[in-house]
Amino acid sequence: MFLRRQYQACVFCLGLALCLLFPAAGRAEGKTYAVLVGIGTYKDTNLQSRPQLDRDALSLYNLLTSPTNRQLYAPENVKLLLSKVPADNKAGAVLATRENLLNTLKWAVTAAKEEDTIVIY
């Protein structure tokens, strides 16, 4: 059972990676906007912390905005929300509060046009 779940997780991650890296397949025009959310620490003490979720979202941000992918994901079109903002904060992350999440989603929907793509992670 454990191996089956690992396999399913790997297939899901591979599919997600393909969708993120090739969102413009079949499209000649349009920008891609991304809202990446990593919440690994919760105010509710009944919920177990998962600090890797912050790291995963930051890693995905770094992948999408790397020189290789900048043609699809311009850094100014990718927003990162985390439960803990890193000290260096090169990515320009903001705290993943309800207000910041709603504002970021509103930004993406307002900025995107009909031919654009919005990715939410």
PDB file of N, CA and C in Angstrom:
ATOM      1  N   MET A   1       0.829  -1.191   0.000  1.00  0.00           N
ATOM      2  CA  MET A   1       0.000   0.000   0.000  1.00  0.00           C
ATOM      3  C   MET A   1       0.876   1.258   0.000  1.00  0.00           C
ATOM      4  N   PHE A   2       1.937   1.257   0.808  1.00  0.00           N
ATOM      5  CA  PHE A   2       2.825   2.403   0.891  1.00  0.00           C
ATOM      6  C   PHE A   2       3.472   2.695  -0.455  1.00  0.00           C
ATOM      7  N   LEU A   3       3.963   1.651  -1.133  1.00  0.00           N
ATOM      8  CA  LEU A   3       4.595   1.841  -2.430  1.00  0.00           C
ATOM      9  C   LEU A   3       3.594   2.351  -3.459  1.00  0.00           C
ATOM     10  N   ARG A   4       2.374   1.889  -3.365  1.00  0.00           N
ATOM     11  CA  ARG A   4       1.344   2.337  -4.298  1.00  0.00           C
ATOM     12  C   ARG A   4       1.109   3.841  -4.138  1.00  0.00           C
ATOM     13  N   ARG A   5       1.066   4.318  -2.886  1.00  0.00           N
ATOM     14  CA  ARG A   5       0.881   5.749  -2.654  1.00  0.00           C
ATOM     15  C   ARG A   5       2.075   6.544  -3.164  1.00  0.00           C
ATOM     16  N   GLN A   6       3.271   6.015  -2.972  1.00  0.00           N
ATOM     17  CA  GLN A   6       4.458   6.697  -3.474  1.00  0.00           C
ATOM     18  C   GLN A   6       4.410   6.777  -4.997  1.00  0.00           C
ATOM     19  N   TYR A   7       3.995   5.691  -5.626  1.00  0.00           N
ATOM     20  CA  TYR A   7       3.883   5.663  -7.081  1.00  0.00           C
ATOM     21  C   TYR A   7       2.865   6.697  -7.553  1.00  0.00           C
ATOM     22  N   GLN A   8       1.712   6.755  -6.895  1.00  0.00           N
ATOM     23  CA  GLN A   8       0.678   7.715  -7.269  1.00  0.00           C
ATOM     24  C   GLN A   8       1.190   9.140  -7.093  1.00  0.00           C
ATOM     25  N   ALA A   9       1.929   9.379  -6.013  1.00  0.00           N
ATOM     26  CA  ALA A   9       2.477  10.712  -5.775  1.00  0.00           C
ATOM     27  C   ALA A   9       3.481  11.077  -6.860  1.00  0.00           C
ATOM     28  N   CYS A  10       4.301  10.124  -7.287  1.00  0.00           N
ATOM     29  CA  CYS A  10       5.285  10.387  -8.339  1.00  0.00           C
ATOM     30  C   CYS A  10       4.601  10.702  -9.666  1.00  0.00           C
ATOM     31  N   VAL A  11       3.560   9.948  -9.994  1.00  0.00           N
ATOM     32  CA  VAL A  11       2.831  10.181 -11.243  1.00  0.00           C
ATOM     33  C   VAL A  11       2.160  11.555 -11.194  1.00  0.00           C
ATOM     34  N   PHE A  12       1.568  11.911 -10.054  1.00  0.00           N
ATOM     35  CA  PHE A  12       0.935  13.208  -9.904  1.00  0.00           C
ATOM     36  C   PHE A  12       1.958  14.325 -10.076  1.00  0.00           C
ATOM     37  N   CYS A  13       3.114  14.203  -9.418  1.00  0.00           N
ATOM     38  CA  CYS A  13       4.156  15.231  -9.498  1.00  0.00           C
ATOM     39  C   CYS A  13       4.690  15.363 -10.921  1.00  0.00           C
ATOM     40  N   LEU A  14       4.847  14.264 -11.612  1.00  0.00           N
ATOM     41  CA  LEU A  14       5.312  14.307 -12.991  1.00  0.00           C
ATOM     42  C   LEU A  14       4.286  15.025 -13.870  1.00  0.00           C
ATOM     43  N   GLY A  15       3.031  14.698 -13.696  1.00  0.00           N
ATOM     44  CA  GLY A  15       1.977  15.356 -14.467  1.00  0.00           C
ATOM     45  C   GLY A  15       1.916  16.845 -14.180  1.00  0.00           C
ATOM     46  N   LEU A  16       2.040  17.209 -12.903  1.00  0.00           N
ATOM     47  CA  LEU A  16       2.039  18.615 -12.520  1.00  0.00           C
ATOM     48  C   LEU A  16       3.229  19.334 -13.139  1.00  0.00           C
ATOM     49  N   ALA A  17       4.393  18.692 -13.088  1.00  0.00           N
ATOM     50  CA  ALA A  17       5.599  19.304 -13.660  1.00  0.00           C
ATOM     51  C   ALA A  17       5.426  19.544 -15.156  1.00  0.00           C
ATOM     52  N   LEU A  18       4.867  18.585 -15.865  1.00  0.00           N
ATOM     53  CA  LEU A  18       4.659  18.744 -17.304  1.00  0.00           C
ATOM     54  C   LEU A  18       3.686  19.877 -17.600  1.00  0.00           C
ATOM     55  N   CYS A  19       2.612  19.965 -16.821  1.00  0.00           N
ATOM     56  CA  CYS A  19       1.637  21.040 -17.024  1.00  0.00           C
ATOM     57  C   CYS A  19       2.248  22.401 -16.742  1.00  0.00           C
ATOM     58  N   LEU A  20       3.094  22.470 -15.720  1.00  0.00           N
ATOM     59  CA  LEU A  20       3.701  23.751 -15.362  1.00  0.00           C
ATOM     60  C   LEU A  20       4.763  24.177 -16.364  1.00  0.00           C
ATOM     61  N   LEU A  21       5.520  23.227 -16.877  1.00  0.00           N
ATOM     62  CA  LEU A  21       6.610  23.564 -17.781  1.00  0.00           C
ATOM     63  C   LEU A  21       6.153  23.768 -19.222  1.00  0.00           C
ATOM     64  N   PHE A  22       4.997  23.212 -19.582  1.00  0.00           N
ATOM     65  CA  PHE A  22       4.517  23.344 -20.959  1.00  0.00           C
ATOM     66  C   PHE A  22       3.066  23.827 -21.011  1.00  0.00           C
ATOM     67  N   PRO A  23       2.738  24.939 -20.344  1.00  0.00           N
ATOM     68  CA  PRO A  23       1.338  25.382 -20.340  1.00  0.00           C
ATOM     69  C   PRO A  23       0.897  25.970 -21.666  1.00  0.00           C
ATOM     70  N   ALA A  24       1.847  26.416 -22.460  1.00  0.00           N
ATOM     71  CA  ALA A  24       1.490  27.114 -23.689  1.00  0.00           C
ATOM     72  C   ALA A  24       1.456  26.193 -24.899  1.00  0.00           C
ATOM     73  N   ALA A  25       1.486  24.897 -24.682  1.00  0.00           N
ATOM     74  CA  ALA A  25       1.462  23.960 -25.810  1.00  0.00           C
ATOM     75  C   ALA A  25       0.207  24.204 -26.636  1.00  0.00           C
ATOM     76  N   GLY A  26       0.400  24.434 -27.907  1.00  0.00           N
ATOM     77  CA  GLY A  26      -0.739  24.660 -28.792  1.00  0.00           C
ATOM     78  C   GLY A  26      -1.193  26.102 -28.837  1.00  0.00           C
ATOM     79  N   ARG A  27      -0.549  26.976 -28.066  1.00  0.00           N
ATOM     80  CA  ARG A  27      -0.915  28.386 -28.077  1.00  0.00           C
ATOM     81  C   ARG A  27       0.222  29.192 -28.664  1.00  0.00           C
ATOM     82  N   ALA A  28      -0.104  30.150 -29.493  1.00  0.00           N
ATOM     83  CA  ALA A  28       0.929  31.005 -30.074  1.00  0.00           C
ATOM     84  C   ALA A  28       1.127  32.256 -29.230  1.00  0.00           C
ATOM     85  N   GLU A  29       0.118  32.654 -28.491  1.00  0.00           N
ATOM     86  CA  GLU A  29       0.173  33.897 -27.737  1.00  0.00           C
ATOM     87  C   GLU A  29      -0.272  33.663 -26.304  1.00  0.00           C
ATOM     88  N   GLY A  30      -0.103  34.700 -25.511  1.00  0.00           N
ATOM     89  CA  GLY A  30      -0.599  34.666 -24.139  1.00  0.00           C
ATOM     90  C   GLY A  30       0.510  34.549 -23.120  1.00  0.00           C
ATOM     91  N   LYS A  31       0.251  35.134 -21.966  1.00  0.00           N
ATOM     92  CA  LYS A  31       1.170  35.072 -20.838  1.00  0.00           C
ATOM     93  C   LYS A  31       0.695  34.005 -19.869  1.00  0.00           C
ATOM     94  N   THR A  32       1.601  33.615 -18.987  1.00  0.00           N
ATOM     95  CA  THR A  32       1.251  32.678 -17.934  1.00  0.00           C
ATOM     96  C   THR A  32       1.478  33.352 -16.595  1.00  0.00           C
ATOM     97  N   TYR A  33       0.458  33.343 -15.769  1.00  0.00           N
ATOM     98  CA  TYR A  33       0.533  33.884 -14.416  1.00  0.00           C
ATOM     99  C   TYR A  33       0.492  32.708 -13.450  1.00  0.00           C
ATOM    100  N   ALA A  34       1.246  32.805 -12.361  1.00  0.00           N
ATOM    101  CA  ALA A  34       1.268  31.724 -11.386  1.00  0.00           C
ATOM    102  C   ALA A  34       1.134  32.287  -9.975  1.00  0.00           C
ATOM    103  N   VAL A  35       0.297  31.617  -9.189  1.00  0.00           N
ATOM    104  CA  VAL A  35       0.147  31.911  -7.764  1.00  0.00           C
ATOM    105  C   VAL A  35       0.579  30.645  -7.035  1.00  0.00           C
ATOM    106  N   LEU A  36       1.699  30.727  -6.327  1.00  0.00           N
ATOM    107  CA  LEU A  36       2.260  29.573  -5.626  1.00  0.00           C
ATOM    108  C   LEU A  36       2.100  29.770  -4.127  1.00  0.00           C
ATOM    109  N   VAL A  37       1.466  28.805  -3.468  1.00  0.00           N
ATOM    110  CA  VAL A  37       1.197  28.920  -2.041  1.00  0.00           C
ATOM    111  C   VAL A  37       1.816  27.734  -1.312  1.00  0.00           C
ATOM    112  N   GLY A  38       2.622  28.030  -0.311  1.00  0.00           N
ATOM    113  CA  GLY A  38       3.212  27.001   0.536  1.00  0.00           C
ATOM    114  C   GLY A  38       2.892  27.308   1.985  1.00  0.00           C
ATOM    115  N   ILE A  39       2.022  26.527   2.578  1.00  0.00           N
ATOM    116  CA  ILE A  39       1.661  26.750   3.981  1.00  0.00           C
ATOM    117  C   ILE A  39       2.076  25.514   4.769  1.00  0.00           C
ATOM    118  N   GLY A  40       3.174  25.640   5.489  1.00  0.00           N
ATOM    119  CA  GLY A  40       3.701  24.516   6.242  1.00  0.00           C
ATOM    120  C   GLY A  40       3.554  24.666   7.742  1.00  0.00           C
ATOM    121  N   THR A  41       3.219  25.873   8.189  1.00  0.00           N
ATOM    122  CA  THR A  41       3.046  26.137   9.617  1.00  0.00           C
ATOM    123  C   THR A  41       1.668  26.754   9.819  1.00  0.00           C
ATOM    124  N   TYR A  42       0.942  26.231  10.787  1.00  0.00           N
ATOM    125  CA  TYR A  42      -0.434  26.662  11.013  1.00  0.00           C
ATOM    126  C   TYR A  42      -0.585  27.284  12.397  1.00  0.00           C
ATOM    127  N   LYS A  43      -1.511  28.229  12.522  1.00  0.00           N
ATOM    128  CA  LYS A  43      -1.833  28.801  13.834  1.00  0.00           C
ATOM    129  C   LYS A  43      -2.534  27.769  14.705  1.00  0.00           C
ATOM    130  N   ASP A  44      -3.335  26.920  14.086  1.00  0.00           N
ATOM    131  CA  ASP A  44      -4.065  25.874  14.807  1.00  0.00           C
ATOM    132  C   ASP A  44      -3.075  24.794  15.239  1.00  0.00           C
ATOM    133  N   THR A  45      -2.875  24.650  16.541  1.00  0.00           N
ATOM    134  CA  THR A  45      -1.901  23.681  17.054  1.00  0.00           C
ATOM    135  C   THR A  45      -2.342  22.232  16.846  1.00  0.00           C
ATOM    136  N   ASN A  46      -3.603  22.010  16.484  1.00  0.00           N
ATOM    137  CA  ASN A  46      -4.073  20.650  16.202  1.00  0.00           C
ATOM    138  C   ASN A  46      -3.589  20.157  14.845  1.00  0.00           C
ATOM    139  N   LEU A  47      -3.135  21.067  13.998  1.00  0.00           N
ATOM    140  CA  LEU A  47      -2.631  20.695  12.681  1.00  0.00           C
ATOM    141  C   LEU A  47      -1.118  20.537  12.750  1.00  0.00           C
ATOM    142  N   GLN A  48      -0.642  19.446  12.196  1.00  0.00           N
ATOM    143  CA  GLN A  48       0.791  19.171  12.213  1.00  0.00           C
ATOM    144  C   GLN A  48       1.514  20.058  11.209  1.00  0.00           C
ATOM    145  N   SER A  49       2.623  20.647  11.651  1.00  0.00           N
ATOM    146  CA  SER A  49       3.434  21.477  10.758  1.00  0.00           C
ATOM    147  C   SER A  49       4.071  20.614   9.681  1.00  0.00           C
ATOM    148  N   ARG A  50       4.167  21.173   8.496  1.00  0.00           N
ATOM    149  CA  ARG A  50       4.810  20.511   7.365  1.00  0.00           C
ATOM    150  C   ARG A  50       5.717  21.534   6.675  1.00  0.00           C
ATOM    151  N   PRO A  51       6.890  21.782   7.280  1.00  0.00           N
ATOM    152  CA  PRO A  51       7.773  22.829   6.751  1.00  0.00           C
ATOM    153  C   PRO A  51       8.230  22.587   5.314  1.00  0.00           C
ATOM    154  N   GLN A  52       8.174  21.350   4.857  1.00  0.00           N
ATOM    155  CA  GLN A  52       8.591  21.074   3.475  1.00  0.00           C
ATOM    156  C   GLN A  52       7.656  21.737   2.472  1.00  0.00           C
ATOM    157  N   LEU A  53       6.444  22.065   2.864  1.00  0.00           N
ATOM    158  CA  LEU A  53       5.512  22.701   1.925  1.00  0.00           C
ATOM    159  C   LEU A  53       5.979  24.097   1.542  1.00  0.00           C
ATOM    160  N   ASP A  54       6.549  24.831   2.486  1.00  0.00           N
ATOM    161  CA  ASP A  54       7.139  26.134   2.169  1.00  0.00           C
ATOM    162  C   ASP A  54       8.309  25.959   1.206  1.00  0.00           C
ATOM    163  N   ARG A  55       9.162  24.985   1.502  1.00  0.00           N
ATOM    164  CA  ARG A  55      10.333  24.729   0.649  1.00  0.00           C
ATOM    165  C   ARG A  55       9.908  24.289  -0.749  1.00  0.00           C
ATOM    166  N   ASP A  56       8.873  23.456  -0.837  1.00  0.00           N
ATOM    167  CA  ASP A  56       8.393  23.001  -2.142  1.00  0.00           C
ATOM    168  C   ASP A  56       7.908  24.169  -2.998  1.00  0.00           C
ATOM    169  N   ALA A  57       7.126  25.061  -2.404  1.00  0.00           N
ATOM    170  CA  ALA A  57       6.615  26.217  -3.147  1.00  0.00           C
ATOM    171  C   ALA A  57       7.758  27.127  -3.581  1.00  0.00           C
ATOM    172  N   LEU A  58       8.741  27.338  -2.706  1.00  0.00           N
ATOM    173  CA  LEU A  58       9.897  28.163  -3.055  1.00  0.00           C
ATOM    174  C   LEU A  58      10.719  27.499  -4.159  1.00  0.00           C
ATOM    175  N   SER A  59      10.894  26.187  -4.080  1.00  0.00           N
ATOM    176  CA  SER A  59      11.630  25.467  -5.131  1.00  0.00           C
ATOM    177  C   SER A  59      10.911  25.572  -6.472  1.00  0.00           C
ATOM    178  N   LEU A  60       9.594  25.456  -6.448  1.00  0.00           N
ATOM    179  CA  LEU A  60       8.822  25.583  -7.679  1.00  0.00           C
ATOM    180  C   LEU A  60       8.946  27.000  -8.242  1.00  0.00           C
ATOM    181  N   TYR A  61       8.913  28.001  -7.379  1.00  0.00           N
ATOM    182  CA  TYR A  61       9.117  29.381  -7.821  1.00  0.00           C
ATOM    183  C   TYR A  61      10.470  29.507  -8.519  1.00  0.00           C
ATOM    184  N   ASN A  62      11.517  28.968  -7.876  1.00  0.00           N
ATOM    185  CA  ASN A  62      12.861  29.047  -8.462  1.00  0.00           C
ATOM    186  C   ASN A  62      12.940  28.323  -9.801  1.00  0.00           C
ATOM    187  N   LEU A  63      12.248  27.198  -9.918  1.00  0.00           N
ATOM    188  CA  LEU A  63      12.227  26.459 -11.182  1.00  0.00           C
ATOM    189  C   LEU A  63      11.516  27.249 -12.270  1.00  0.00           C
ATOM    190  N   LEU A  64      10.344  27.764 -11.949  1.00  0.00           N
ATOM    191  CA  LEU A  64       9.553  28.466 -12.960  1.00  0.00           C
ATOM    192  C   LEU A  64      10.210  29.758 -13.420  1.00  0.00           C
ATOM    193  N   THR A  65      10.895  30.439 -12.512  1.00  0.00           N
ATOM    194  CA  THR A  65      11.498  31.728 -12.869  1.00  0.00           C
ATOM    195  C   THR A  65      12.974  31.603 -13.239  1.00  0.00           C
ATOM    196  N   SER A  66      13.455  30.383 -13.382  1.00  0.00           N
ATOM    197  CA  SER A  66      14.848  30.180 -13.792  1.00  0.00           C
ATOM    198  C   SER A  66      15.023  30.678 -15.222  1.00  0.00           C
ATOM    199  N   PRO A  67      16.249  30.986 -15.616  1.00  0.00           N
ATOM    200  CA  PRO A  67      16.480  31.480 -16.986  1.00  0.00           C
ATOM    201  C   PRO A  67      15.901  30.568 -18.068  1.00  0.00           C
ATOM    202  N   THR A  68      15.884  29.277 -17.817  1.00  0.00           N
ATOM    203  CA  THR A  68      15.348  28.328 -18.796  1.00  0.00           C
ATOM    204  C   THR A  68      13.855  28.528 -19.029  1.00  0.00           C
ATOM    205  N   ASN A  69      13.107  28.883 -17.987  1.00  0.00           N
ATOM    206  CA  ASN A  69      11.650  28.961 -18.081  1.00  0.00           C
ATOM    207  C   ASN A  69      11.105  30.383 -18.126  1.00  0.00           C
ATOM    208  N   ARG A  70      11.961  31.375 -18.136  1.00  0.00           N
ATOM    209  CA  ARG A  70      11.487  32.765 -18.087  1.00  0.00           C
ATOM    210  C   ARG A  70      10.659  33.159 -19.293  1.00  0.00           C
ATOM    211  N   GLN A  71      10.812  32.443 -20.390  1.00  0.00           N
ATOM    212  CA  GLN A  71       9.996  32.748 -21.567  1.00  0.00           C
ATOM    213  C   GLN A  71       8.521  32.454 -21.269  1.00  0.00           C
ATOM    214  N   LEU A  72       8.256  31.452 -20.451  1.00  0.00           N
ATOM    215  CA  LEU A  72       6.879  31.111 -20.083  1.00  0.00           C
ATOM    216  C   LEU A  72       6.436  31.801 -18.802  1.00  0.00           C
ATOM    217  N   TYR A  73       7.342  31.906 -17.836  1.00  0.00           N
ATOM    218  CA  TYR A  73       7.014  32.443 -16.520  1.00  0.00           C
ATOM    219  C   TYR A  73       7.911  33.625 -16.197  1.00  0.00           C
ATOM    220  N   ALA A  74       7.484  34.813 -16.548  1.00  0.00           N
ATOM    221  CA  ALA A  74       8.234  36.018 -16.188  1.00  0.00           C
ATOM    222  C   ALA A  74       8.138  36.185 -14.671  1.00  0.00           C
ATOM    223  N   PRO A  75       9.242  36.479 -13.991  1.00  0.00           N
ATOM    224  CA  PRO A  75       9.209  36.600 -12.528  1.00  0.00           C
ATOM    225  C   PRO A  75       8.138  37.567 -12.015  1.00  0.00           C
ATOM    226  N   GLU A  76       7.864  38.620 -12.752  1.00  0.00           N
ATOM    227  CA  GLU A  76       6.835  39.570 -12.302  1.00  0.00           C
ATOM    228  C   GLU A  76       5.427  38.994 -12.412  1.00  0.00           C
ATOM    229  N   ASN A  77       5.262  37.870 -13.107  1.00  0.00           N
ATOM    230  CA  ASN A  77       3.954  37.220 -13.245  1.00  0.00           C
ATOM    231  C   ASN A  77       3.800  36.001 -12.343  1.00  0.00           C
ATOM    232  N   VAL A  78       4.752  35.803 -11.443  1.00  0.00           N
ATOM    233  CA  VAL A  78       4.701  34.674 -10.508  1.00  0.00           C
ATOM    234  C   VAL A  78       4.735  35.225  -9.086  1.00  0.00           C
ATOM    235  N   LYS A  79       3.712  34.932  -8.310  1.00  0.00           N
ATOM    236  CA  LYS A  79       3.618  35.408  -6.930  1.00  0.00           C
ATOM    237  C   LYS A  79       3.737  34.211  -5.985  1.00  0.00           C
ATOM    238  N   LEU A  80       4.463  34.419  -4.900  1.00  0.00           N
ATOM    239  CA  LEU A  80       4.748  33.357  -3.929  1.00  0.00           C
ATOM    240  C   LEU A  80       4.242  33.765  -2.559  1.00  0.00           C
ATOM    241  N   LEU A  81       3.435  32.891  -1.952  1.00  0.00           N
ATOM    242  CA  LEU A  81       2.927  33.108  -0.598  1.00  0.00           C
ATOM    243  C   LEU A  81       3.390  31.950   0.277  1.00  0.00           C
ATOM    244  N   LEU A  82       3.977  32.277   1.422  1.00  0.00           N
ATOM    245  CA  LEU A  82       4.526  31.259   2.318  1.00  0.00           C
ATOM    246  C   LEU A  82       4.071  31.504   3.745  1.00  0.00           C
ATOM    247  N   SER A  83       4.089  30.447   4.561  1.00  0.00           N
ATOM    248  CA  SER A  83       3.732  30.616   5.963  1.00  0.00           C
ATOM    249  C   SER A  83       4.860  31.270   6.754  1.00  0.00           C
ATOM    250  N   LYS A  84       6.086  31.158   6.248  1.00  0.00           N
ATOM    251  CA  LYS A  84       7.231  31.854   6.835  1.00  0.00           C
ATOM    252  C   LYS A  84       8.057  32.430   5.696  1.00  0.00           C
ATOM    253  N   VAL A  85       8.220  33.736   5.703  1.00  0.00           N
ATOM    254  CA  VAL A  85       8.999  34.392   4.657  1.00  0.00           C
ATOM    255  C   VAL A  85      10.485  34.218   4.971  1.00  0.00           C
ATOM    256  N   PRO A  86      11.283  33.731   4.000  1.00  0.00           N
ATOM    257  CA  PRO A  86      12.713  33.523   4.249  1.00  0.00           C
ATOM    258  C   PRO A  86      13.434  34.841   4.537  1.00  0.00           C
ATOM    259  N   ALA A  87      14.540  34.748   5.268  1.00  0.00           N
ATOM    260  CA  ALA A  87      15.293  35.944   5.642  1.00  0.00           C
ATOM    261  C   ALA A  87      15.803  36.700   4.407  1.00  0.00           C
ATOM    262  N   ASP A  88      16.320  35.977   3.412  1.00  0.00           N
ATOM    263  CA  ASP A  88      16.848  36.656   2.222  1.00  0.00           C
ATOM    264  C   ASP A  88      15.727  37.107   1.282  1.00  0.00           C
ATOM    265  N   ASN A  89      14.647  36.375   1.200  1.00  0.00           N
ATOM    266  CA  ASN A  89      13.434  36.686   0.430  1.00  0.00           C
ATOM    267  C   ASN A  89      13.719  37.235  -0.968  1.00  0.00           C
ATOM    268  N   LYS A  90      14.601  36.573  -1.695  1.00  0.00           N
ATOM    269  CA  LYS A  90      14.914  36.971  -3.067  1.00  0.00           C
ATOM    270  C   LYS A  90      13.705  36.818  -3.985  1.00  0.00           C
ATOM    271  N   ALA A  91      12.796  35.926  -3.616  1.00  0.00           N
ATOM    272  CA  ALA A  91      11.625  35.664  -4.453  1.00  0.00           C
ATOM    273  C   ALA A  91      10.512  36.683  -4.240  1.00  0.00           C
ATOM    274  N   GLY A  92      10.656  37.537  -3.246  1.00  0.00           N
ATOM    275  CA  GLY A  92       9.603  38.512  -2.972  1.00  0.00           C
ATOM    276  C   GLY A  92       8.359  37.882  -2.385  1.00  0.00           C
ATOM    277  N   ALA A  93       8.540  36.821  -1.616  1.00  0.00           N
ATOM    278  CA  ALA A  93       7.402  36.119  -1.009  1.00  0.00           C
ATOM    279  C   ALA A  93       6.705  37.003   0.018  1.00  0.00           C
ATOM    280  N   VAL A  94       5.407  36.769   0.166  1.00  0.00           N
ATOM    281  CA  VAL A  94       4.624  37.432   1.208  1.00  0.00           C
ATOM    282  C   VAL A  94       4.005  36.351   2.089  1.00  0.00           C
ATOM    283  N   LEU A  95       3.564  36.748   3.266  1.00  0.00           N
ATOM    284  CA  LEU A  95       2.932  35.783   4.157  1.00  0.00           C
ATOM    285  C   LEU A  95       1.637  35.262   3.553  1.00  0.00           C
ATOM    286  N   ALA A  96       1.396  33.987   3.742  1.00  0.00           N
ATOM    287  CA  ALA A  96       0.203  33.340   3.186  1.00  0.00           C
ATOM    288  C   ALA A  96      -0.983  33.541   4.130  1.00  0.00           C
ATOM    289  N   THR A  97      -1.441  34.779   4.203  1.00  0.00           N
ATOM    290  CA  THR A  97      -2.638  35.076   4.986  1.00  0.00           C
ATOM    291  C   THR A  97      -3.847  35.038   4.059  1.00  0.00           C
ATOM    292  N   ARG A  98      -5.011  34.993   4.644  1.00  0.00           N
ATOM    293  CA  ARG A  98      -6.242  34.985   3.850  1.00  0.00           C
ATOM    294  C   ARG A  98      -6.305  36.228   2.963  1.00  0.00           C
ATOM    295  N   GLU A  99      -6.005  37.383   3.548  1.00  0.00           N
ATOM    296  CA  GLU A  99      -6.057  38.643   2.809  1.00  0.00           C
ATOM    297  C   GLU A  99      -5.056  38.654   1.656  1.00  0.00           C
ATOM    298  N   ASN A 100      -3.825  38.222   1.913  1.00  0.00           N
ATOM    299  CA  ASN A 100      -2.813  38.203   0.849  1.00  0.00           C
ATOM    300  C   ASN A 100      -3.172  37.220  -0.248  1.00  0.00           C
ATOM    301  N   LEU A 101      -3.732  36.073   0.126  1.00  0.00           N
ATOM    302  CA  LEU A 101      -4.135  35.095  -0.884  1.00  0.00           C
ATOM    303  C   LEU A 101      -5.249  35.655  -1.771  1.00  0.00           C
ATOM    304  N   LEU A 102      -6.261  36.249  -1.153  1.00  0.00           N
ATOM    305  CA  LEU A 102      -7.355  36.827  -1.940  1.00  0.00           C
ATOM    306  C   LEU A 102      -6.862  37.959  -2.841  1.00  0.00           C
ATOM    307  N   ASN A 103      -5.979  38.809  -2.316  1.00  0.00           N
ATOM    308  CA  ASN A 103      -5.430  39.900  -3.130  1.00  0.00           C
ATOM    309  C   ASN A 103      -4.607  39.368  -4.297  1.00  0.00           C
ATOM    310  N   THR A 104      -3.838  38.308  -4.060  1.00  0.00           N
ATOM    311  CA  THR A 104      -3.009  37.735  -5.118  1.00  0.00           C
ATOM    312  C   THR A 104      -3.869  37.072  -6.186  1.00  0.00           C
ATOM    313  N   LEU A 105      -4.902  36.365  -5.775  1.00  0.00           N
ATOM    314  CA  LEU A 105      -5.811  35.761  -6.749  1.00  0.00           C
ATOM    315  C   LEU A 105      -6.525  36.842  -7.561  1.00  0.00           C
ATOM    316  N   LYS A 106      -6.923  37.912  -6.895  1.00  0.00           N
ATOM    317  CA  LYS A 106      -7.578  39.021  -7.593  1.00  0.00           C
ATOM    318  C   LYS A 106      -6.614  39.653  -8.594  1.00  0.00           C
ATOM    319  N   TRP A 107      -5.343  39.793  -8.200  1.00  0.00           N
ATOM    320  CA  TRP A 107      -4.325  40.328  -9.109  1.00  0.00           C
ATOM    321  C   TRP A 107      -4.225  39.457 -10.367  1.00  0.00           C
ATOM    322  N   ALA A 108      -4.147  38.139 -10.178  1.00  0.00           N
ATOM    323  CA  ALA A 108      -3.984  37.226 -11.315  1.00  0.00           C
ATOM    324  C   ALA A 108      -5.183  37.291 -12.249  1.00  0.00           C
ATOM    325  N   VAL A 109      -6.371  37.279 -11.679  1.00  0.00           N
ATOM    326  CA  VAL A 109      -7.589  37.301 -12.498  1.00  0.00           C
ATOM    327  C   VAL A 109      -7.730  38.635 -13.228  1.00  0.00           C
ATOM    328  N   THR A 110      -7.351  39.713 -12.580  1.00  0.00           N
ATOM    329  CA  THR A 110      -7.444  41.041 -13.195  1.00  0.00           C
ATOM    330  C   THR A 110      -6.387  41.230 -14.283  1.00  0.00           C
ATOM    331  N   ALA A 111      -5.176  40.735 -14.027  1.00  0.00           N
ATOM    332  CA  ALA A 111      -4.075  40.916 -14.981  1.00  0.00           C
ATOM    333  C   ALA A 111      -4.227  40.039 -16.220  1.00  0.00           C
ATOM    334  N   ALA A 112      -4.765  38.842 -16.041  1.00  0.00           N
ATOM    335  CA  ALA A 112      -4.849  37.889 -17.150  1.00  0.00           C
ATOM    336  C   ALA A 112      -5.930  38.288 -18.150  1.00  0.00           C
ATOM    337  N   LYS A 113      -5.612  38.046 -19.383  1.00  0.00           N
ATOM    338  CA  LYS A 113      -6.570  38.286 -20.466  1.00  0.00           C
ATOM    339  C   LYS A 113      -7.074  36.928 -20.964  1.00  0.00           C
ATOM    340  N   GLU A 114      -7.953  36.959 -21.931  1.00  0.00           N
ATOM    341  CA  GLU A 114      -8.590  35.734 -22.414  1.00  0.00           C
ATOM    342  C   GLU A 114      -7.580  34.696 -22.921  1.00  0.00           C
ATOM    343  N   GLU A 115      -6.508  35.152 -23.563  1.00  0.00           N
ATOM    344  CA  GLU A 115      -5.531  34.221 -24.130  1.00  0.00           C
ATOM    345  C   GLU A 115      -4.458  33.784 -23.127  1.00  0.00           C
ATOM    346  N   ASP A 116      -4.516  34.290 -21.896  1.00  0.00           N
ATOM    347  CA  ASP A 116      -3.519  33.968 -20.878  1.00  0.00           C
ATOM    348  C   ASP A 116      -3.918  32.749 -20.060  1.00  0.00           C
ATOM    349  N   THR A 117      -2.943  32.251 -19.298  1.00  0.00           N
ATOM    350  CA  THR A 117      -3.142  31.094 -18.441  1.00  0.00           C
ATOM    351  C   THR A 117      -2.807  31.475 -17.014  1.00  0.00           C
ATOM    352  N   ILE A 118      -3.610  30.992 -16.066  1.00  0.00           N
ATOM    353  CA  ILE A 118      -3.339  31.183 -14.638  1.00  0.00           C
ATOM    354  C   ILE A 118      -3.106  29.817 -14.027  1.00  0.00           C
ATOM    355  N   VAL A 119      -1.969  29.662 -13.348  1.00  0.00           N
ATOM    356  CA  VAL A 119      -1.634  28.421 -12.651  1.00  0.00           C
ATOM    357  C   VAL A 119      -1.681  28.713 -11.158  1.00  0.00           C
ATOM    358  N   ILE A 120      -2.386  27.873 -10.414  1.00  0.00           N
ATOM    359  CA  ILE A 120      -2.465  28.013  -8.960  1.00  0.00           C
ATOM    360  C   ILE A 120      -1.922  26.740  -8.351  1.00  0.00           C
ATOM    361  N   TYR A 121      -0.914  26.896  -7.486  1.00  0.00           N
ATOM    362  CA  TYR A 121      -0.290  25.748  -6.810  1.00  0.00           C
ATOM    363  C   TYR A 121      -0.320  25.990  -5.331  1.00  0.00           C
TER     364      TYR A 121
END
